Amino acid sequence: MPVNMKRIYDEAANSDGVRILVDRVWPRGTSKEDAKLDHWVKEIGPSNDLRKWFDHDPDKFKEFKQKYKRELDEGDQQEALKELKDITKKHNKNVTLLYASKEEKYNQASVLKEILDHQ
């Protein structure tokens, strides 16, 4: 079963399984109650510098993906990635990674989904 991805602004569904926000910054206009989160792993998000540089530009995605994976391997996000992998394994990949970006394909959740789908 592949890991799911969904914008946090989309309505929660029973099929979402465990809902995990993977943004470092809380999404604008969403209350914690409305988000219906099971986990917020904010430390998993890209560093502020990388996030601002990338700015969800599809032309920068390939380089962003490389830099973000390097952060996940070597940076402060290592422990958060371990936590996310543990949650995913515990729930047999019945999880939905939530993100705020309007860009549905070129964001950190898609990079994390790729990693989790191959674990």
Protein backbone atom coordinates (compact mmCIF):
# COMPACT_ATOMS: atom_id res chain seq x y z
CA MET A 1 0.00 0.00 0.00
CA PRO A 2 1.48 3.36 -0.97
CA VAL A 3 1.54 6.31 1.38
CA ASN A 4 -1.06 8.97 0.54
CA MET A 5 -0.61 12.72 0.18
CA LYS A 6 -3.22 15.43 0.58
CA ARG A 7 -3.47 19.17 1.04
CA ILE A 8 -4.36 20.01 4.62
CA TYR A 9 -7.12 22.25 3.28
CA ASP A 10 -8.92 19.25 1.75
CA GLU A 11 -11.60 17.61 3.85
CA ALA A 12 -10.47 14.77 6.12
CA ALA A 13 -11.72 11.31 5.21
CA ASN A 14 -11.77 7.96 7.01
CA SER A 15 -9.65 6.57 4.18
CA ASP A 16 -6.82 8.96 5.17
CA GLY A 17 -5.69 6.64 7.93
CA VAL A 18 -3.15 8.35 10.19
CA ARG A 19 -2.95 12.03 9.25
CA ILE A 20 0.54 13.55 9.53
CA LEU A 21 1.36 17.19 8.83
CA VAL A 22 4.88 17.41 7.36
CA ASP A 23 5.21 21.20 7.12
CA ARG A 24 7.58 23.07 9.39
CA VAL A 25 5.24 26.07 9.53
CA TRP A 26 1.60 25.79 10.61
CA PRO A 27 -0.71 26.27 7.57
CA ARG A 28 -2.46 29.63 7.38
CA GLY A 29 -6.18 29.70 7.94
CA THR A 30 -6.42 26.21 9.46
CA SER A 31 -7.25 25.57 13.09
CA LYS A 32 -5.74 22.62 14.86
CA GLU A 33 -9.24 21.27 15.40
CA ASP A 34 -10.14 21.48 11.69
CA ALA A 35 -6.88 19.83 10.67
CA LYS A 36 -7.83 16.58 12.42
CA LEU A 37 -4.17 15.65 12.82
CA ASP A 38 -2.79 12.56 14.44
CA HIS A 39 0.79 13.89 14.28
CA TRP A 40 2.62 17.08 13.35
CA VAL A 41 6.22 16.21 12.56
CA LYS A 42 7.31 19.80 11.94
CA GLU A 43 11.01 19.05 12.25
CA ILE A 44 10.79 16.95 9.06
CA GLY A 45 10.20 20.02 6.91
CA PRO A 46 13.00 21.48 4.85
CA SER A 47 15.17 24.09 6.52
CA ASN A 48 13.89 27.66 6.27
CA ASP A 49 16.71 28.56 3.87
CA LEU A 50 15.95 25.64 1.57
CA ARG A 51 12.20 26.23 1.75
CA LYS A 52 12.56 29.92 0.87
CA TRP A 53 15.04 29.21 -1.94
CA PHE A 54 12.80 26.53 -3.49
CA ASP A 55 9.52 28.48 -3.20
CA HIS A 56 7.70 25.52 -4.88
CA ASP A 57 9.25 26.37 -8.25
CA PRO A 58 8.90 23.29 -10.51
CA ASP A 59 12.11 24.25 -12.32
CA LYS A 60 14.03 23.96 -9.03
CA PHE A 61 12.39 20.71 -7.89
CA LYS A 62 15.12 18.32 -9.01
CA GLU A 63 17.79 20.31 -7.15
CA PHE A 64 15.45 20.85 -4.18
CA LYS A 65 14.87 17.10 -3.93
CA GLN A 66 18.62 16.41 -3.82
CA LYS A 67 19.26 19.11 -1.22
CA TYR A 68 16.28 18.05 0.90
CA LYS A 69 17.34 14.39 0.87
CA ARG A 70 20.79 15.52 1.99
CA GLU A 71 19.19 17.43 4.87
CA LEU A 72 17.17 14.34 5.80
CA ASP A 73 20.35 12.23 5.82
CA GLU A 74 22.73 14.67 7.47
CA GLY A 75 20.77 17.48 9.10
CA ASP A 76 18.47 18.14 12.00
CA GLN A 77 15.70 16.25 10.22
CA GLN A 78 17.30 12.79 10.77
CA GLU A 79 15.40 12.10 13.99
CA ALA A 80 12.14 13.37 12.52
CA LEU A 81 12.56 11.08 9.51
CA LYS A 82 13.09 8.13 11.84
CA GLU A 83 9.90 9.09 13.71
CA LEU A 84 7.97 9.36 10.45
CA LYS A 85 9.27 5.98 9.26
CA ASP A 86 8.29 4.40 12.58
CA ILE A 87 4.75 5.79 12.39
CA THR A 88 4.42 4.61 8.80
CA LYS A 89 5.62 1.09 9.63
CA LYS A 90 3.42 0.87 12.72
CA HIS A 91 0.34 1.65 10.62
CA ASN A 92 1.33 -0.47 7.59
CA LYS A 93 1.62 2.63 5.41
CA ASN A 94 -2.01 3.57 6.08
CA VAL A 95 -0.97 7.19 6.47
CA THR A 96 -1.61 10.46 4.68
CA LEU A 97 1.11 13.09 4.51
CA LEU A 98 -0.48 16.53 4.79
CA TYR A 99 1.02 19.68 3.32
CA ALA A 100 -0.19 23.25 2.73
CA SER A 101 1.40 24.06 -0.63
CA LYS A 102 -0.85 24.77 -3.60
CA GLU A 103 1.72 22.87 -5.64
CA GLU A 104 0.55 19.26 -5.37
CA LYS A 105 3.49 17.60 -7.10
CA TYR A 106 6.53 19.71 -6.30
CA ASN A 107 6.73 19.80 -2.51
CA GLN A 108 8.48 18.09 0.39
CA ALA A 109 5.59 15.66 0.96
CA SER A 110 6.20 14.10 -2.46
CA VAL A 111 9.87 13.55 -1.56
CA LEU A 112 8.88 11.99 1.77
CA LYS A 113 6.25 9.81 0.08
CA GLU A 114 8.90 8.47 -2.29
CA ILE A 115 11.18 7.61 0.64
CA LEU A 116 8.40 5.98 2.67
CA ASP A 117 7.01 4.01 -0.27
CA HIS A 118 10.43 2.41 -0.75
CA GLN A 119 11.14 1.47 2.86
